[in-house]
Structure formats: structure tokens, C-alpha cells
Amino acid sequence: MNLAFFTSNKNTNFGQNIFMKFFVFLLFLIPTTLLFSQDKQVKSIDKTIDQWHSDAAKSNYEDYFGLMDNNAIYIGTDKSELWKKEEFESFAKPYFDSGKTWDFKTISRNIYFSKDKKVAWFDELLDTWMGICRSSGVLEYEETQWKLKHYHLSVTIDNDKIGRFIELSK
């Protein structure tokens, strides 16, 4: 590589040293910037989902359903529970009004992103009144906030207990 345009005739190493330092700096800066940006987004989504669970526990109807997109889908643990947002709101409203909602505590969560960072999906383990549950969801960044598009909650059953569960559910 000819780096003569960076150097004078007196010291050819000076220009090469500056170029190499700048190049190394860029190699460090770009991945670091991307890492911090993604870490910020992960924290934002963690906070959003944690707040959503907290809003349910506190019977905060407006904020809980405000996080959900107008076309959101909620899939519950019962085989009949496949709700559009409006249907889920109707089902849940009496629970929120009475203050007898659910309180899900996150045990662990994984978050993934689309290439453009506008869509994220997650899976999580939850400590609930039903025992350990697993959920997954999809969020989309709209204007200034993440909106929940799809949420699926399921009860976990240990593999060695599945036979008894099948018999029980018949």
C-alpha cells in the first residue's frame, strides 16, 4: 500500500504511523459503538417488558394495554385463549378493575433484533402463580417507543411428567 500522500519526504514512517493509529482506532470504535447501541436497545426492551409485567401486577390497565399495539395478539395458557387486543382487554378488564391481576416475575430473558433494529423478539422464563411459565413476544419500534405486537404465554411441564399431564387433560 502506498501511503506517500500522508508523508513528507523527510519521514515516511510518520504518515504510516498516523494512518495505522487512525485505522486501529476505527476498528475499535465501530464495533464498540454498535455494541453500546445494541446494549442500550436491550436495556430499553428489558425495561419495557418489566414495566408491562409490573403494570399488570399493579392493575394499571391504561399503561398495560397502552404498550400493546392496536393489532396486538395475546395467546394465553388455555387452548381457547387466542385474543386480539380488544378481546383481551374485555376479558382482563374485570381483573384490573377488581385489583386481582397477575404478577409475573422474570427469571431470564433473551432478546433478538431484526437487521434494521426496528423489530425485536424475546423469550423469557417467568415465575408465576402457575409455577414456571415460558413466554415469547414480538415488539416493533414505533416513533418513540416499543409496541408489543404479539405475546404468547405457556405453562411449562417437565418431560418426565408429560404422560401424567396428557392423561389429566383428557
N, C-alpha and C. Protein backbone atom coordinates (compact mmCIF):
# COMPACT_ATOMS: atom_id res chain seq x y z
N MET A 1 0.85 -1.18 0.00
CA MET A 1 0.00 0.00 0.00
C MET A 1 0.89 1.23 0.00
N ASN A 2 0.62 2.16 -0.87
CA ASN A 2 1.39 3.38 -0.97
C ASN A 2 0.73 4.46 -0.13
N LEU A 3 1.42 4.87 0.93
CA LEU A 3 0.87 5.89 1.83
C LEU A 3 1.60 7.22 1.67
N ALA A 4 2.19 7.43 0.51
CA ALA A 4 3.01 8.62 0.29
C ALA A 4 2.23 9.91 0.48
N PHE A 5 0.95 9.92 0.19
CA PHE A 5 0.17 11.14 0.33
C PHE A 5 0.02 11.57 1.78
N PHE A 6 0.35 10.71 2.73
CA PHE A 6 0.30 11.06 4.15
C PHE A 6 1.66 11.54 4.67
N THR A 7 2.67 11.40 3.87
CA THR A 7 4.02 11.60 4.41
C THR A 7 4.74 12.73 3.69
N SER A 8 5.76 13.19 4.34
CA SER A 8 6.69 14.12 3.68
C SER A 8 7.90 13.30 3.25
N ASN A 9 8.77 13.90 2.50
CA ASN A 9 9.96 13.19 2.05
C ASN A 9 10.92 12.94 3.20
N LYS A 10 10.82 13.73 4.27
CA LYS A 10 11.78 13.62 5.37
C LYS A 10 11.52 12.40 6.25
N ASN A 11 10.21 12.06 6.52
CA ASN A 11 9.92 10.98 7.47
C ASN A 11 8.75 10.16 6.94
N THR A 12 9.02 9.10 6.23
CA THR A 12 7.95 8.29 5.65
C THR A 12 7.23 7.47 6.70
N ASN A 13 7.85 7.17 7.82
CA ASN A 13 7.19 6.40 8.88
C ASN A 13 6.13 7.20 9.62
N PHE A 14 6.29 8.51 9.69
CA PHE A 14 5.34 9.36 10.41
C PHE A 14 3.93 9.22 9.84
N GLY A 15 3.78 9.33 8.54
CA GLY A 15 2.48 9.21 7.89
C GLY A 15 1.89 7.82 8.06
N GLN A 16 2.72 6.81 7.95
CA GLN A 16 2.24 5.44 8.13
C GLN A 16 1.78 5.21 9.56
N ASN A 17 2.48 5.76 10.52
CA ASN A 17 2.10 5.61 11.93
C ASN A 17 0.75 6.28 12.21
N ILE A 18 0.56 7.48 11.67
CA ILE A 18 -0.72 8.16 11.88
C ILE A 18 -1.85 7.37 11.24
N PHE A 19 -1.63 6.92 10.01
CA PHE A 19 -2.65 6.15 9.31
C PHE A 19 -3.00 4.88 10.08
N MET A 20 -1.98 4.16 10.55
CA MET A 20 -2.22 2.90 11.27
C MET A 20 -2.95 3.17 12.59
N LYS A 21 -2.59 4.21 13.29
CA LYS A 21 -3.28 4.54 14.55
C LYS A 21 -4.74 4.89 14.29
N PHE A 22 -4.98 5.66 13.24
CA PHE A 22 -6.35 6.02 12.88
C PHE A 22 -7.15 4.78 12.48
N PHE A 23 -6.53 3.91 11.71
CA PHE A 23 -7.17 2.67 11.27
C PHE A 23 -7.52 1.78 12.47
N VAL A 24 -6.60 1.61 13.39
CA VAL A 24 -6.84 0.82 14.60
C VAL A 24 -7.94 1.46 15.44
N PHE A 25 -7.92 2.78 15.55
CA PHE A 25 -8.97 3.49 16.28
C PHE A 25 -10.34 3.21 15.68
N LEU A 26 -10.45 3.26 14.35
CA LEU A 26 -11.72 2.97 13.69
C LEU A 26 -12.15 1.52 13.91
N LEU A 27 -11.20 0.61 13.85
CA LEU A 27 -11.52 -0.79 14.10
C LEU A 27 -12.08 -1.01 15.50
N PHE A 28 -11.60 -0.24 16.45
CA PHE A 28 -12.10 -0.32 17.82
C PHE A 28 -13.43 0.42 17.97
N LEU A 29 -13.54 1.59 17.36
CA LEU A 29 -14.70 2.46 17.54
C LEU A 29 -15.98 1.87 16.96
N ILE A 30 -15.93 1.36 15.77
CA ILE A 30 -17.15 0.89 15.10
C ILE A 30 -17.80 -0.25 15.87
N PRO A 31 -17.10 -1.35 16.20
CA PRO A 31 -17.77 -2.41 16.96
C PRO A 31 -18.22 -1.95 18.35
N THR A 32 -17.42 -1.10 18.98
CA THR A 32 -17.79 -0.60 20.31
C THR A 32 -19.08 0.21 20.24
N THR A 33 -19.19 1.07 19.24
CA THR A 33 -20.40 1.87 19.07
C THR A 33 -21.61 0.97 18.83
N LEU A 34 -21.45 -0.02 17.97
CA LEU A 34 -22.55 -0.95 17.71
C LEU A 34 -22.93 -1.73 18.96
N LEU A 35 -21.93 -2.15 19.73
CA LEU A 35 -22.18 -2.90 20.96
C LEU A 35 -22.94 -2.05 21.97
N PHE A 36 -22.52 -0.80 22.17
CA PHE A 36 -23.21 0.06 23.12
C PHE A 36 -24.62 0.37 22.65
N SER A 37 -24.79 0.56 21.35
CA SER A 37 -26.11 0.85 20.80
C SER A 37 -27.05 -0.34 21.03
N GLN A 38 -26.58 -1.55 20.74
CA GLN A 38 -27.42 -2.73 20.95
C GLN A 38 -27.69 -2.92 22.44
N ASP A 39 -26.67 -2.70 23.29
CA ASP A 39 -26.86 -2.84 24.72
C ASP A 39 -27.92 -1.86 25.21
N LYS A 40 -27.93 -0.66 24.68
CA LYS A 40 -28.94 0.34 25.05
C LYS A 40 -30.33 -0.14 24.64
N GLN A 41 -30.44 -0.73 23.45
CA GLN A 41 -31.73 -1.23 22.99
C GLN A 41 -32.19 -2.42 23.84
N VAL A 42 -31.28 -3.31 24.20
CA VAL A 42 -31.63 -4.45 25.05
C VAL A 42 -32.17 -3.93 26.39
N LYS A 43 -31.48 -2.96 26.96
CA LYS A 43 -31.94 -2.39 28.24
C LYS A 43 -33.30 -1.73 28.10
N SER A 44 -33.52 -1.06 26.98
CA SER A 44 -34.81 -0.41 26.73
C SER A 44 -35.93 -1.44 26.65
N ILE A 45 -35.68 -2.53 25.96
CA ILE A 45 -36.70 -3.58 25.83
C ILE A 45 -36.90 -4.28 27.17
N ASP A 46 -35.82 -4.59 27.87
CA ASP A 46 -35.95 -5.19 29.21
C ASP A 46 -36.83 -4.32 30.10
N LYS A 47 -36.54 -3.03 30.10
CA LYS A 47 -37.30 -2.09 30.93
C LYS A 47 -38.77 -2.06 30.50
N THR A 48 -39.01 -2.07 29.19
CA THR A 48 -40.37 -2.03 28.67
C THR A 48 -41.17 -3.26 29.09
N ILE A 49 -40.60 -4.43 28.93
CA ILE A 49 -41.31 -5.67 29.27
C ILE A 49 -41.48 -5.79 30.79
N ASP A 50 -40.43 -5.43 31.54
CA ASP A 50 -40.55 -5.45 33.00
C ASP A 50 -41.67 -4.51 33.46
N GLN A 51 -41.74 -3.32 32.85
CA GLN A 51 -42.78 -2.36 33.22
C GLN A 51 -44.16 -2.91 32.87
N TRP A 52 -44.25 -3.58 31.73
CA TRP A 52 -45.53 -4.18 31.30
C TRP A 52 -45.99 -5.21 32.32
N HIS A 53 -45.07 -6.07 32.76
CA HIS A 53 -45.43 -7.05 33.79
C HIS A 53 -45.80 -6.34 35.10
N SER A 54 -45.08 -5.29 35.44
CA SER A 54 -45.37 -4.53 36.66
C SER A 54 -46.73 -3.85 36.58
N ASP A 55 -47.07 -3.31 35.40
CA ASP A 55 -48.38 -2.69 35.22
C ASP A 55 -49.51 -3.69 35.46
N ALA A 56 -49.30 -4.93 35.03
CA ALA A 56 -50.31 -5.96 35.29
C ALA A 56 -50.42 -6.21 36.80
N ALA A 57 -49.29 -6.37 37.45
CA ALA A 57 -49.29 -6.66 38.89
C ALA A 57 -49.95 -5.54 39.69
N LYS A 58 -49.83 -4.31 39.21
CA LYS A 58 -50.39 -3.15 39.91
C LYS A 58 -51.78 -2.78 39.40
N SER A 59 -52.34 -3.63 38.55
CA SER A 59 -53.67 -3.38 37.95
C SER A 59 -53.73 -2.04 37.24
N ASN A 60 -52.65 -1.68 36.58
CA ASN A 60 -52.57 -0.42 35.84
C ASN A 60 -53.04 -0.67 34.40
N TYR A 61 -54.34 -0.67 34.23
CA TYR A 61 -54.99 -1.03 32.97
C TYR A 61 -54.52 -0.19 31.79
N GLU A 62 -54.55 1.14 31.95
CA GLU A 62 -54.22 2.05 30.84
C GLU A 62 -52.80 1.82 30.31
N ASP A 63 -51.83 1.77 31.21
CA ASP A 63 -50.45 1.59 30.77
C ASP A 63 -50.20 0.18 30.24
N TYR A 64 -50.81 -0.82 30.87
CA TYR A 64 -50.62 -2.20 30.43
C TYR A 64 -51.09 -2.35 28.98
N PHE A 65 -52.30 -1.92 28.71
CA PHE A 65 -52.83 -2.06 27.35
C PHE A 65 -52.31 -0.99 26.41
N GLY A 66 -51.82 0.10 26.95
CA GLY A 66 -51.21 1.15 26.14
C GLY A 66 -49.92 0.70 25.47
N LEU A 67 -49.23 -0.23 26.07
CA LEU A 67 -48.00 -0.75 25.46
C LEU A 67 -48.28 -1.66 24.27
N MET A 68 -49.47 -2.22 24.25
CA MET A 68 -49.82 -3.15 23.18
C MET A 68 -50.27 -2.40 21.93
N ASP A 69 -49.79 -2.83 20.79
CA ASP A 69 -50.22 -2.27 19.51
C ASP A 69 -51.72 -2.52 19.33
N ASN A 70 -52.38 -1.68 18.58
CA ASN A 70 -53.82 -1.86 18.35
C ASN A 70 -54.16 -3.19 17.71
N ASN A 71 -53.23 -3.74 16.95
CA ASN A 71 -53.44 -5.04 16.29
C ASN A 71 -52.76 -6.19 17.03
N ALA A 72 -52.40 -5.98 18.29
CA ALA A 72 -51.65 -7.00 19.05
C ALA A 72 -52.48 -8.28 19.22
N ILE A 73 -51.75 -9.36 19.36
CA ILE A 73 -52.32 -10.68 19.64
C ILE A 73 -51.75 -11.16 20.97
N TYR A 74 -52.63 -11.70 21.81
CA TYR A 74 -52.22 -12.28 23.10
C TYR A 74 -52.68 -13.73 23.11
N ILE A 75 -51.75 -14.64 23.28
CA ILE A 75 -52.06 -16.06 23.37
C ILE A 75 -51.81 -16.49 24.81
N GLY A 76 -52.88 -16.92 25.48
CA GLY A 76 -52.77 -17.33 26.88
C GLY A 76 -52.51 -18.81 27.03
N THR A 77 -52.60 -19.29 28.25
CA THR A 77 -52.27 -20.69 28.54
C THR A 77 -53.39 -21.66 28.20
N ASP A 78 -54.62 -21.19 28.18
CA ASP A 78 -55.75 -22.06 27.83
C ASP A 78 -55.84 -22.19 26.31
N LYS A 79 -56.22 -23.35 25.83
CA LYS A 79 -56.29 -23.56 24.37
C LYS A 79 -57.28 -22.62 23.69
N SER A 80 -58.21 -22.04 24.44
CA SER A 80 -59.18 -21.11 23.84
C SER A 80 -58.66 -19.67 23.83
N GLU A 81 -57.53 -19.41 24.44
CA GLU A 81 -57.06 -18.03 24.62
C GLU A 81 -56.17 -17.56 23.46
N LEU A 82 -56.82 -17.16 22.40
CA LEU A 82 -56.15 -16.53 21.27
C LEU A 82 -56.92 -15.24 21.01
N TRP A 83 -56.40 -14.13 21.58
CA TRP A 83 -57.15 -12.89 21.59
C TRP A 83 -56.50 -11.79 20.77
N LYS A 84 -57.35 -11.05 20.08
CA LYS A 84 -56.93 -9.76 19.56
C LYS A 84 -56.95 -8.81 20.76
N LYS A 85 -56.27 -7.69 20.65
CA LYS A 85 -56.15 -6.78 21.78
C LYS A 85 -57.50 -6.43 22.39
N GLU A 86 -58.47 -6.05 21.59
CA GLU A 86 -59.78 -5.65 22.13
C GLU A 86 -60.44 -6.79 22.91
N GLU A 87 -60.32 -8.01 22.42
CA GLU A 87 -60.91 -9.17 23.11
C GLU A 87 -60.20 -9.41 24.44
N PHE A 88 -58.88 -9.28 24.42
CA PHE A 88 -58.11 -9.47 25.65
C PHE A 88 -58.43 -8.39 26.67
N GLU A 89 -58.59 -7.16 26.20
CA GLU A 89 -58.98 -6.06 27.09
C GLU A 89 -60.32 -6.36 27.77
N SER A 90 -61.29 -6.84 26.98
CA SER A 90 -62.61 -7.17 27.55
C SER A 90 -62.50 -8.27 28.58
N PHE A 91 -61.72 -9.29 28.28
CA PHE A 91 -61.53 -10.39 29.23
C PHE A 91 -60.86 -9.90 30.51
N ALA A 92 -59.81 -9.07 30.37
CA ALA A 92 -58.98 -8.70 31.51
C ALA A 92 -59.53 -7.54 32.34
N LYS A 93 -60.40 -6.73 31.76
CA LYS A 93 -60.88 -5.53 32.45
C LYS A 93 -61.45 -5.82 33.84
N PRO A 94 -62.29 -6.84 34.03
CA PRO A 94 -62.79 -7.11 35.39
C PRO A 94 -61.68 -7.44 36.39
N TYR A 95 -60.63 -8.11 35.94
CA TYR A 95 -59.50 -8.42 36.83
C TYR A 95 -58.78 -7.13 37.22
N PHE A 96 -58.54 -6.25 36.25
CA PHE A 96 -57.88 -4.98 36.55
C PHE A 96 -58.76 -4.12 37.45
N ASP A 97 -60.06 -4.09 37.18
CA ASP A 97 -60.97 -3.27 37.99
C ASP A 97 -61.03 -3.75 39.44
N SER A 98 -60.94 -5.05 39.63
CA SER A 98 -61.01 -5.60 41.00
C SER A 98 -59.65 -5.60 41.70
N GLY A 99 -58.57 -5.29 40.95
CA GLY A 99 -57.23 -5.33 41.55
C GLY A 99 -56.69 -6.73 41.71
N LYS A 100 -57.30 -7.71 41.05
CA LYS A 100 -56.88 -9.12 41.16
C LYS A 100 -56.29 -9.58 39.83
N THR A 101 -55.14 -9.01 39.53
CA THR A 101 -54.45 -9.33 38.28
C THR A 101 -53.32 -10.32 38.56
N TRP A 102 -52.47 -10.49 37.61
CA TRP A 102 -51.36 -11.45 37.71
C TRP A 102 -50.06 -10.71 37.94
N ASP A 103 -49.12 -11.41 38.56
CA ASP A 103 -47.82 -10.82 38.88
C ASP A 103 -46.74 -11.78 38.39
N PHE A 104 -46.19 -11.51 37.21
CA PHE A 104 -45.15 -12.35 36.62
C PHE A 104 -43.79 -11.73 36.89
N LYS A 105 -42.89 -12.53 37.44
CA LYS A 105 -41.53 -12.08 37.72
C LYS A 105 -40.57 -12.77 36.75
N THR A 106 -39.76 -11.99 36.10
CA THR A 106 -38.83 -12.52 35.11
C THR A 106 -37.68 -13.26 35.79
N ILE A 107 -37.45 -14.47 35.32
CA ILE A 107 -36.29 -15.26 35.76
C ILE A 107 -35.13 -15.03 34.79
N SER A 108 -35.43 -15.14 33.50
CA SER A 108 -34.41 -14.89 32.47
C SER A 108 -35.11 -14.45 31.20
N ARG A 109 -34.35 -13.75 30.35
CA ARG A 109 -34.92 -13.26 29.10
C ARG A 109 -33.82 -13.19 28.04
N ASN A 110 -34.17 -13.58 26.83
CA ASN A 110 -33.30 -13.43 25.66
C ASN A 110 -33.98 -12.49 24.69
N ILE A 111 -33.20 -11.60 24.09
CA ILE A 111 -33.75 -10.60 23.16
C ILE A 111 -32.96 -10.66 21.86
N TYR A 112 -33.69 -10.57 20.76
CA TYR A 112 -33.10 -10.65 19.43
C TYR A 112 -33.64 -9.49 18.59
N PHE A 113 -32.89 -9.10 17.54
CA PHE A 113 -33.26 -7.95 16.73
C PHE A 113 -33.24 -8.27 15.25
N SER A 114 -34.10 -7.55 14.51
CA SER A 114 -34.02 -7.56 13.05
C SER A 114 -32.78 -6.75 12.64
N LYS A 115 -32.39 -6.87 11.39
CA LYS A 115 -31.20 -6.15 10.92
C LYS A 115 -31.33 -4.65 11.08
N ASP A 116 -32.53 -4.11 10.87
CA ASP A 116 -32.71 -2.66 10.97
C ASP A 116 -32.99 -2.20 12.40
N LYS A 117 -33.02 -3.12 13.35
CA LYS A 117 -33.22 -2.82 14.79
C LYS A 117 -34.58 -2.21 15.10
N LYS A 118 -35.54 -2.35 14.19
CA LYS A 118 -36.88 -1.81 14.41
C LYS A 118 -37.84 -2.88 14.95
N VAL A 119 -37.45 -4.13 14.84
CA VAL A 119 -38.27 -5.24 15.34
C VAL A 119 -37.40 -6.07 16.29
N ALA A 120 -37.99 -6.43 17.41
CA ALA A 120 -37.29 -7.27 18.38
C ALA A 120 -38.23 -8.38 18.81
N TRP A 121 -37.65 -9.53 19.13
CA TRP A 121 -38.44 -10.62 19.68
C TRP A 121 -37.69 -11.18 20.86
N PHE A 122 -38.45 -11.77 21.77
CA PHE A 122 -37.85 -12.23 23.01
C PHE A 122 -38.50 -13.52 23.44
N ASP A 123 -37.79 -14.22 24.29
CA ASP A 123 -38.36 -15.35 25.04
C ASP A 123 -37.91 -15.16 26.47
N GLU A 124 -38.74 -15.64 27.39
CA GLU A 124 -38.41 -15.45 28.80
C GLU A 124 -38.99 -16.58 29.64
N LEU A 125 -38.36 -16.81 30.78
CA LEU A 125 -38.92 -17.68 31.82
C LEU A 125 -39.48 -16.77 32.89
N LEU A 126 -40.65 -17.14 33.40
CA LEU A 126 -41.35 -16.33 34.38
C LEU A 126 -41.71 -17.15 35.61
N ASP A 127 -41.62 -16.53 36.76
CA ASP A 127 -42.13 -17.11 38.00
C ASP A 127 -43.55 -16.56 38.17
N THR A 128 -44.55 -17.44 38.14
CA THR A 128 -45.95 -17.01 38.19
C THR A 128 -46.72 -17.84 39.22
N TRP A 129 -47.97 -17.48 39.42
CA TRP A 129 -48.85 -18.25 40.32
C TRP A 129 -49.09 -19.66 39.77
N MET A 130 -48.82 -19.88 38.48
CA MET A 130 -48.99 -21.20 37.86
C MET A 130 -47.71 -22.02 37.93
N GLY A 131 -46.68 -21.47 38.54
CA GLY A 131 -45.35 -22.09 38.52
C GLY A 131 -44.51 -21.40 37.46
N ILE A 132 -43.50 -22.11 36.98
CA ILE A 132 -42.63 -21.54 35.96
C ILE A 132 -43.35 -21.56 34.62
N CYS A 133 -43.43 -20.41 33.99
CA CYS A 133 -44.02 -20.29 32.65
C CYS A 133 -42.96 -19.80 31.68
N ARG A 134 -43.23 -20.02 30.42
CA ARG A 134 -42.38 -19.50 29.36
C ARG A 134 -43.25 -18.61 28.49
N SER A 135 -42.67 -17.52 28.05
CA SER A 135 -43.40 -16.65 27.13
C SER A 135 -42.46 -16.19 26.03
N SER A 136 -43.08 -15.71 24.97
CA SER A 136 -42.32 -15.10 23.89
C SER A 136 -43.15 -13.96 23.34
N GLY A 137 -42.48 -13.02 22.70
CA GLY A 137 -43.20 -11.88 22.17
C GLY A 137 -42.43 -11.19 21.08
N VAL A 138 -43.13 -10.32 20.38
CA VAL A 138 -42.56 -9.52 19.31
C VAL A 138 -42.91 -8.06 19.57
N LEU A 139 -41.92 -7.20 19.46
CA LEU A 139 -42.12 -5.76 19.62
C LEU A 139 -41.63 -5.05 18.36
N GLU A 140 -42.25 -3.90 18.09
CA GLU A 140 -41.80 -3.08 16.98
C GLU A 140 -41.61 -1.66 17.49
N TYR A 141 -40.52 -1.03 17.06
CA TYR A 141 -40.26 0.35 17.47
C TYR A 141 -41.07 1.28 16.59
N GLU A 142 -41.96 2.04 17.22
CA GLU A 142 -42.83 2.97 16.51
C GLU A 142 -42.65 4.37 17.07
N GLU A 143 -42.16 5.25 16.25
CA GLU A 143 -41.93 6.66 16.58
C GLU A 143 -40.98 6.82 17.76
N THR A 144 -41.46 6.70 18.99
CA THR A 144 -40.60 6.93 20.16
C THR A 144 -40.61 5.79 21.16
N GLN A 145 -41.31 4.69 20.86
CA GLN A 145 -41.41 3.62 21.85
C GLN A 145 -41.60 2.26 21.19
N TRP A 146 -41.32 1.23 21.97
CA TRP A 146 -41.57 -0.14 21.56
C TRP A 146 -43.04 -0.46 21.80
N LYS A 147 -43.66 -1.14 20.84
CA LYS A 147 -45.05 -1.58 20.97
C LYS A 147 -45.09 -3.10 20.86
N LEU A 148 -45.82 -3.72 21.76
CA LEU A 148 -45.96 -5.16 21.76
C LEU A 148 -46.94 -5.57 20.66
N LYS A 149 -46.50 -6.43 19.77
CA LYS A 149 -47.32 -6.88 18.64
C LYS A 149 -47.91 -8.26 18.89
N HIS A 150 -47.15 -9.08 19.59
CA HIS A 150 -47.55 -10.49 19.76
C HIS A 150 -46.96 -11.00 21.07
N TYR A 151 -47.78 -11.68 21.86
CA TYR A 151 -47.30 -12.25 23.13
C TYR A 151 -47.91 -13.63 23.29
N HIS A 152 -47.09 -14.56 23.72
CA HIS A 152 -47.53 -15.94 23.90
C HIS A 152 -47.03 -16.45 25.25
N LEU A 153 -47.95 -16.82 26.11
CA LEU A 153 -47.64 -17.34 27.43
C LEU A 153 -47.96 -18.82 27.48
N SER A 154 -47.05 -19.62 28.02
CA SER A 154 -47.31 -21.06 28.13
C SER A 154 -46.82 -21.57 29.48
N VAL A 155 -47.53 -22.56 29.97
CA VAL A 155 -47.13 -23.25 31.20
C VAL A 155 -46.09 -24.30 30.83
N THR A 156 -45.08 -24.42 31.62
CA THR A 156 -44.05 -25.43 31.33
C THR A 156 -44.37 -26.72 32.07
N ILE A 157 -44.08 -27.82 31.42
CA ILE A 157 -44.29 -29.14 32.01
C ILE A 157 -43.01 -29.94 31.80
N ASP A 158 -42.49 -30.48 32.87
CA ASP A 158 -41.28 -31.29 32.76
C ASP A 158 -41.55 -32.51 31.89
N ASN A 159 -40.58 -32.88 31.08
CA ASN A 159 -40.74 -34.01 30.17
C ASN A 159 -41.13 -35.30 30.90
N ASP A 160 -40.58 -35.51 32.09
CA ASP A 160 -40.91 -36.75 32.81
C ASP A 160 -42.33 -36.75 33.39
N LYS A 161 -43.02 -35.62 33.31
CA LYS A 161 -44.40 -35.52 33.81
C LYS A 161 -45.42 -35.38 32.69
N ILE A 162 -44.97 -35.37 31.46
CA ILE A 162 -45.88 -35.12 30.34
C ILE A 162 -46.93 -36.22 30.20
N GLY A 163 -46.57 -37.45 30.47
CA GLY A 163 -47.55 -38.55 30.37
C GLY A 163 -48.72 -38.34 31.31
N ARG A 164 -48.41 -37.97 32.55
CA ARG A 164 -49.49 -37.69 33.52
C ARG A 164 -50.32 -36.49 33.10
N PHE A 165 -49.66 -35.49 32.54
CA PHE A 165 -50.37 -34.30 32.06
C PHE A 165 -51.34 -34.69 30.93
N ILE A 166 -50.89 -35.49 30.01
CA ILE A 166 -51.76 -35.91 28.90
C ILE A 166 -52.98 -36.64 29.43
N GLU A 167 -52.78 -37.54 30.38
CA GLU A 167 -53.90 -38.27 30.98
C GLU A 167 -54.84 -37.31 31.70
N LEU A 168 -54.29 -36.37 32.44
CA LEU A 168 -55.09 -35.41 33.19
C LEU A 168 -55.92 -34.51 32.27
N SER A 169 -55.37 -34.16 31.12
CA SER A 169 -56.06 -33.23 30.22
C SER A 169 -57.12 -33.90 29.36
N LYS A 170 -57.23 -35.23 29.43
CA LYS A 170 -58.26 -35.95 28.62
C LYS A 170 -59.64 -35.78 29.18
